[in-house]
Amino acid sequence: MDKCKIVEDLIPGFCDGILNEESKKFVEDHIKECKNCENKVNEYKKLNTEENINTEQINYFKKLNRRNNIKVIVGIIIIILVFLLGNYIYNFSIMYKYKKNFENISSADNYYFERRENTEDSVGIVKVWKKGDKIKREEGRYDNTDQYHINRIVYETIGSSERVEIDENNKTISYITSKNATSNRVLDGLYPNLGVPLGMQGNIFFQLGTPFYGKVEGTSRQGSNREYYVIKYGEITLYVHKDTLIPWETIGETTEKSFYPNSNEVVKSEYTRRNYYIYNENAVTDQDLNLPNLDGYETVYENVEF
């Protein structure tokens, strides 16, 4: 058999160093005498070296690409976390200040507060006057006649368990004694609370969780020259004066419907429930808190358990 043919078959093993000593010596002796086979050995070594270099380069770039992908993913995660943290701090700051402002308003010595609740066919009005420890609350309504009707007026003293209630519909004045004294938190239930009891202001968990109960969606001028924060909680959108953090309006997302009698399908009217709020500090006088002339009213005395 031609020696060159044998050597050609042994070149891969020779260059990779896997031949036994006898075969290795046979190739070494032959390429000393045969220039052609020597060139083939050198070409194979060169080609093998280039392939190894290419493989190393490919592996290097794969590792580099993998590292870059990890950096990109980590970068994206950091950006998202920074955005979420910034959004949380923004929401927390505004809503915490809103709740804190409520505490200040509730404990103010002199203020007038009014809530106007627009319903389908009327506007319900609740008015609160406070001066010192004296409180007056009035409940009334504007109906389709465009006339304002007072339903009830309550006179109370903070820390006292006695109050006076005037029922304008039945023309009675009730002197009521209860077990519980009147609290300073007169506006609870009237003031928009962002979906959480505003009285939980002192609880650290409620403070930190505030941004999860509502979301500040931005600002709006609502067709006026004043700017408002727009806060969404549940199905309610609240507009808060940006400079004073006092509520101006709440709008319900759910449209209320009324139906014609004896039908639950034919809609008579649709409306969106809206509330408007008024707050004026140092606006109450002693005269505002005086009992009116009650001649002709029936007097009633009551003791209640709550």
Protein backbone atom coordinates (compact mmCIF):
# COMPACT_ATOMS: atom_id res chain seq x y z
CA MET A 1 0.00 0.00 0.00
CA ASP A 2 1.23 3.54 -0.81
CA LYS A 3 2.85 5.08 2.30
CA CYS A 4 1.39 8.52 1.46
CA LYS A 5 -2.12 7.05 1.51
CA ILE A 6 -1.47 5.49 4.93
CA VAL A 7 -0.01 8.72 6.34
CA GLU A 8 -2.94 10.74 4.98
CA ASP A 9 -5.32 8.51 6.95
CA LEU A 10 -3.16 8.89 10.09
CA ILE A 11 -2.79 12.71 9.92
CA PRO A 12 -5.87 13.55 12.10
CA GLY A 13 -4.79 11.14 14.83
CA PHE A 14 -1.18 12.33 14.56
CA CYS A 15 -2.11 16.00 14.92
CA ASP A 16 -4.51 15.26 17.76
CA GLY A 17 -1.82 13.20 19.57
CA ILE A 18 -3.81 10.00 19.86
CA LEU A 19 -1.62 7.61 17.80
CA ASN A 20 0.39 4.87 19.43
CA GLU A 21 4.15 5.24 19.42
CA GLU A 22 4.67 2.95 16.42
CA SER A 23 2.18 4.79 14.18
CA LYS A 24 3.45 8.17 15.38
CA LYS A 25 7.07 7.25 14.52
CA PHE A 26 5.92 5.96 11.13
CA VAL A 27 4.34 9.32 10.27
CA GLU A 28 7.30 11.33 11.62
CA ASP A 29 9.79 9.29 9.56
CA HIS A 30 7.67 9.62 6.43
CA ILE A 31 7.10 13.39 6.53
CA LYS A 32 10.86 13.86 6.90
CA GLU A 33 11.24 12.33 3.44
CA CYS A 34 7.91 13.41 1.84
CA LYS A 35 7.39 17.13 1.48
CA ASN A 36 3.86 16.67 0.19
CA CYS A 37 2.71 14.79 3.29
CA GLU A 38 4.52 17.29 5.52
CA ASN A 39 2.51 20.10 3.90
CA LYS A 40 -0.72 18.16 4.49
CA VAL A 41 0.18 17.77 8.17
CA ASN A 42 0.89 21.50 8.48
CA GLU A 43 -2.36 22.40 6.68
CA TYR A 44 -4.36 20.14 8.98
CA LYS A 45 -2.72 21.70 12.07
CA LYS A 46 -3.41 25.19 10.73
CA LEU A 47 -7.03 24.38 9.92
CA ASN A 48 -7.55 22.74 13.31
CA THR A 49 -6.05 25.78 15.03
CA GLU A 50 -8.36 28.17 13.12
CA GLU A 51 -11.39 26.07 14.02
CA ASN A 52 -10.37 26.12 17.67
CA ILE A 53 -9.91 29.89 17.51
CA ASN A 54 -13.31 30.30 15.87
CA THR A 55 -14.91 28.06 18.46
CA GLU A 56 -13.27 30.04 21.26
CA GLN A 57 -14.44 33.30 19.66
CA ILE A 58 -17.97 31.99 19.30
CA ASN A 59 -18.00 30.84 22.91
CA TYR A 60 -16.58 34.19 24.02
CA PHE A 61 -19.23 36.15 22.14
CA LYS A 62 -21.93 33.84 23.48
CA LYS A 63 -20.76 34.52 27.03
CA LEU A 64 -20.51 38.24 26.28
CA ASN A 65 -23.98 38.27 24.76
CA ARG A 66 -25.34 36.35 27.75
CA ARG A 67 -23.78 38.87 30.13
CA ASN A 68 -25.19 41.76 28.11
CA ASN A 69 -28.66 40.17 28.16
CA ILE A 70 -28.45 39.78 31.93
CA LYS A 71 -27.38 43.43 32.26
CA VAL A 72 -30.28 44.54 30.06
CA ILE A 73 -32.78 42.47 32.07
CA VAL A 74 -31.38 43.77 35.37
CA GLY A 75 -31.47 47.32 33.98
CA ILE A 76 -35.11 46.93 32.94
CA ILE A 77 -36.01 45.52 36.36
CA ILE A 78 -34.26 48.44 38.09
CA ILE A 79 -36.07 50.96 35.86
CA ILE A 80 -39.42 49.31 36.63
CA LEU A 81 -38.68 49.26 40.37
CA VAL A 82 -37.58 52.91 40.33
CA PHE A 83 -40.76 53.83 38.42
CA LEU A 84 -42.97 51.88 40.84
CA LEU A 85 -41.20 53.38 43.85
CA GLY A 86 -41.49 56.88 42.41
CA ASN A 87 -45.18 56.32 41.66
CA TYR A 88 -45.74 54.97 45.18
CA ILE A 89 -43.98 57.95 46.79
CA TYR A 90 -45.94 60.39 44.60
CA ASN A 91 -49.29 58.80 45.51
CA PHE A 92 -48.35 58.39 49.16
CA SER A 93 -47.22 62.00 49.48
CA ILE A 94 -50.41 63.53 48.05
CA MET A 95 -52.92 61.21 49.73
CA TYR A 96 -51.13 61.32 53.06
CA LYS A 97 -51.19 65.13 52.95
CA TYR A 98 -54.88 64.97 52.04
CA LYS A 99 -55.64 62.77 55.06
CA LYS A 100 -53.44 64.89 57.31
CA ASN A 101 -55.25 67.99 56.09
CA PHE A 102 -58.55 66.35 57.04
CA GLU A 103 -57.26 65.92 60.58
CA ASN A 104 -56.37 69.61 60.72
CA ILE A 105 -59.73 70.64 59.30
CA SER A 106 -61.68 68.42 61.72
CA SER A 107 -59.87 69.84 64.72
CA ALA A 108 -60.15 73.46 63.57
CA ASP A 109 -61.86 75.76 66.08
CA ASN A 110 -64.13 77.57 63.63
CA TYR A 111 -65.40 76.37 60.25
CA TYR A 112 -68.39 75.93 57.98
CA PHE A 113 -68.67 72.75 55.87
CA GLU A 114 -71.27 71.81 53.28
CA ARG A 115 -71.86 68.74 51.16
CA ARG A 116 -74.23 68.86 48.18
CA GLU A 117 -75.31 65.44 46.96
CA ASN A 118 -76.89 65.43 43.50
CA THR A 119 -79.39 62.62 43.04
CA GLU A 120 -81.93 61.87 40.33
CA ASP A 121 -84.57 64.47 41.17
CA SER A 122 -83.11 66.55 43.99
CA VAL A 123 -80.01 67.84 45.73
CA GLY A 124 -79.43 66.73 49.31
CA ILE A 125 -77.68 69.30 51.49
CA VAL A 126 -75.76 68.73 54.72
CA LYS A 127 -74.38 71.80 56.47
CA VAL A 128 -72.08 71.89 59.51
CA TRP A 129 -71.22 74.92 61.62
CA LYS A 130 -68.58 74.62 64.32
CA LYS A 131 -67.24 77.21 66.71
CA GLY A 132 -65.31 76.16 69.78
CA ASP A 133 -67.16 73.17 71.23
CA LYS A 134 -70.52 74.15 69.72
CA ILE A 135 -71.82 72.33 66.63
CA LYS A 136 -74.86 72.79 64.45
CA ARG A 137 -75.82 70.36 61.69
CA GLU A 138 -78.55 70.95 59.16
CA GLU A 139 -80.02 68.49 56.66
CA GLY A 140 -82.11 69.79 53.77
CA ARG A 141 -83.02 69.26 50.16
CA TYR A 142 -83.70 71.10 46.94
CA ASP A 143 -86.47 69.31 45.05
CA ASN A 144 -88.16 69.84 41.68
CA THR A 145 -89.89 72.99 42.96
CA ASP A 146 -86.47 74.67 43.27
CA GLN A 147 -87.27 75.40 46.89
CA TYR A 148 -84.93 74.55 49.74
CA HIS A 149 -86.59 72.46 52.47
CA ILE A 150 -84.97 71.93 55.86
CA ASN A 151 -85.59 68.46 57.22
CA ARG A 152 -83.64 68.43 60.47
CA ILE A 153 -81.35 70.65 62.54
CA VAL A 154 -79.16 69.29 65.36
CA TYR A 155 -77.42 71.37 68.04
CA GLU A 156 -74.63 69.64 69.97
CA THR A 157 -71.76 70.36 72.32
CA ILE A 158 -68.50 68.42 72.05
CA GLY A 159 -68.03 66.23 75.14
CA SER A 160 -71.69 66.44 76.10
CA SER A 161 -74.22 63.60 75.86
CA GLU A 162 -77.12 65.99 75.33
CA ARG A 163 -78.32 67.43 72.04
CA VAL A 164 -81.27 69.26 70.58
CA GLU A 165 -82.95 68.07 67.37
CA ILE A 166 -85.46 70.12 65.42
CA ASP A 167 -87.70 68.18 63.02
CA GLU A 168 -89.00 70.72 60.50
CA ASN A 169 -91.33 68.21 58.85
CA ASN A 170 -93.19 67.26 62.05
CA LYS A 171 -92.59 70.58 63.81
CA THR A 172 -91.06 69.00 66.91
CA ILE A 173 -88.07 69.89 69.07
CA SER A 174 -86.43 66.97 70.86
CA TYR A 175 -84.14 67.23 73.86
CA ILE A 176 -82.12 64.01 73.66
CA THR A 177 -79.79 62.44 76.22
CA SER A 178 -77.58 59.55 75.07
CA LYS A 179 -74.87 57.37 76.61
CA ASN A 180 -72.17 58.59 74.25
CA ALA A 181 -70.80 62.10 74.28
CA THR A 182 -70.51 64.10 71.05
CA SER A 183 -67.16 63.57 69.34
CA ASN A 184 -64.97 66.20 67.72
CA ARG A 185 -65.02 64.13 64.50
CA VAL A 186 -68.10 65.85 63.10
CA LEU A 187 -67.11 65.44 59.45
CA ASP A 188 -66.70 61.65 59.50
CA GLY A 189 -69.08 60.23 56.92
CA LEU A 190 -69.38 63.55 55.10
CA TYR A 191 -65.79 64.09 54.00
CA PRO A 192 -64.47 61.95 51.07
CA ASN A 193 -62.28 59.31 52.72
CA LEU A 194 -60.40 57.72 49.75
CA GLY A 195 -61.97 54.36 50.53
CA VAL A 196 -60.39 54.05 54.00
CA PRO A 197 -61.58 55.40 57.37
CA LEU A 198 -59.95 58.80 57.72
CA GLY A 199 -59.86 58.19 61.46
CA MET A 200 -57.15 55.54 60.88
CA GLN A 201 -54.66 58.32 60.16
CA GLY A 202 -52.54 57.40 63.16
CA ASN A 203 -52.14 53.77 62.11
CA ILE A 204 -48.77 53.28 60.40
CA PHE A 205 -50.04 50.38 58.27
CA PHE A 206 -52.89 52.48 56.90
CA GLN A 207 -50.46 55.31 56.25
CA LEU A 208 -48.09 53.08 54.25
CA GLY A 209 -50.98 51.37 52.48
CA THR A 210 -52.63 54.63 51.41
CA PRO A 211 -51.42 54.45 47.75
CA PHE A 212 -53.04 51.01 47.41
CA TYR A 213 -56.48 52.35 48.31
CA GLY A 214 -56.45 55.06 45.67
CA LYS A 215 -54.39 56.47 42.82
CA VAL A 216 -53.53 60.03 41.84
CA GLU A 217 -54.22 60.05 38.11
CA GLY A 218 -52.88 63.55 37.48
CA THR A 219 -54.26 67.08 37.62
CA SER A 220 -57.17 68.85 35.95
CA ARG A 221 -58.70 72.29 35.83
CA GLN A 222 -62.26 70.95 35.45
CA GLY A 223 -63.26 73.91 33.34
CA SER A 224 -62.10 76.45 35.94
CA ASN A 225 -58.98 78.50 36.57
CA ARG A 226 -58.08 76.38 39.60
CA GLU A 227 -56.04 73.20 39.42
CA TYR A 228 -57.15 69.97 41.07
CA TYR A 229 -55.59 66.63 41.86
CA VAL A 230 -57.61 63.81 40.31
CA ILE A 231 -57.74 60.86 42.72
CA LYS A 232 -59.45 57.60 41.80
CA TYR A 233 -60.56 55.11 44.46
CA GLY A 234 -63.04 52.32 43.80
CA GLU A 235 -65.72 53.66 41.48
CA ILE A 236 -65.24 57.22 42.73
CA THR A 237 -63.23 60.03 41.15
CA LEU A 238 -62.30 62.79 43.61
CA TYR A 239 -61.16 66.29 42.65
CA VAL A 240 -59.05 67.98 45.33
CA HIS A 241 -57.91 71.60 45.31
CA LYS A 242 -54.19 71.42 44.59
CA ASP A 243 -53.30 74.41 46.75
CA THR A 244 -55.50 73.68 49.80
CA LEU A 245 -55.98 69.87 49.52
CA ILE A 246 -59.69 70.40 50.24
CA PRO A 247 -62.16 68.24 48.27
CA TRP A 248 -64.22 69.98 45.61
CA GLU A 249 -66.17 67.23 43.84
CA THR A 250 -66.68 63.47 43.75
CA ILE A 251 -68.13 61.68 40.75
CA GLY A 252 -69.46 58.12 40.82
CA GLU A 253 -68.42 55.93 37.90
CA THR A 254 -71.62 53.88 38.06
CA THR A 255 -74.56 55.46 36.27
CA GLU A 256 -77.71 55.33 38.36
CA LYS A 257 -80.94 54.40 36.57
CA SER A 258 -84.61 54.71 37.38
CA PHE A 259 -87.30 52.69 35.64
CA TYR A 260 -90.92 53.29 34.81
CA PRO A 261 -93.43 51.77 37.26
CA ASN A 262 -94.12 48.04 36.84
CA SER A 263 -91.09 47.66 34.59
CA ASN A 264 -87.51 46.69 35.22
CA GLU A 265 -86.45 47.15 31.61
CA VAL A 266 -87.66 50.54 30.42
CA VAL A 267 -85.27 53.21 31.71
CA LYS A 268 -86.98 56.42 32.76
CA SER A 269 -83.77 58.36 33.44
CA GLU A 270 -80.04 57.94 33.98
CA TYR A 271 -77.74 60.09 36.05
CA THR A 272 -74.28 60.03 37.56
CA ARG A 273 -74.10 60.71 41.29
CA ARG A 274 -72.00 63.79 42.04
CA ASN A 275 -71.14 65.47 45.33
CA TYR A 276 -69.81 69.00 45.80
CA TYR A 277 -68.06 70.31 48.91
CA ILE A 278 -67.59 73.73 50.49
CA TYR A 279 -65.25 74.53 53.37
CA ASN A 280 -64.76 77.98 54.91
CA GLU A 281 -62.58 78.53 57.95
CA ASN A 282 -63.35 81.21 60.58
CA ALA A 283 -66.75 81.84 59.00
CA VAL A 284 -69.06 80.93 61.93
CA THR A 285 -70.53 83.45 64.37
CA ASP A 286 -72.36 82.93 67.66
CA GLN A 287 -75.59 83.90 65.92
CA ASP A 288 -75.22 80.95 63.52
CA LEU A 289 -75.37 78.59 66.50
CA ASN A 290 -78.32 80.14 68.33
CA LEU A 291 -81.59 78.24 68.50
CA PRO A 292 -84.30 79.81 66.32
CA ASN A 293 -87.76 80.85 67.52
CA LEU A 294 -89.56 77.58 68.17
CA ASP A 295 -93.04 78.83 69.07
CA GLY A 296 -95.61 76.29 67.97
CA TYR A 297 -93.20 73.34 68.01
CA GLU A 298 -94.02 70.28 70.11
CA THR A 299 -91.40 69.53 72.77
CA VAL A 300 -90.16 65.95 73.20
CA TYR A 301 -87.69 64.51 75.74
CA GLU A 302 -85.81 61.32 74.87
CA ASN A 303 -83.21 59.02 76.40
CA VAL A 304 -81.42 56.81 73.87
CA GLU A 305 -79.03 53.89 74.30
CA PHE A 306 -76.43 54.99 71.72
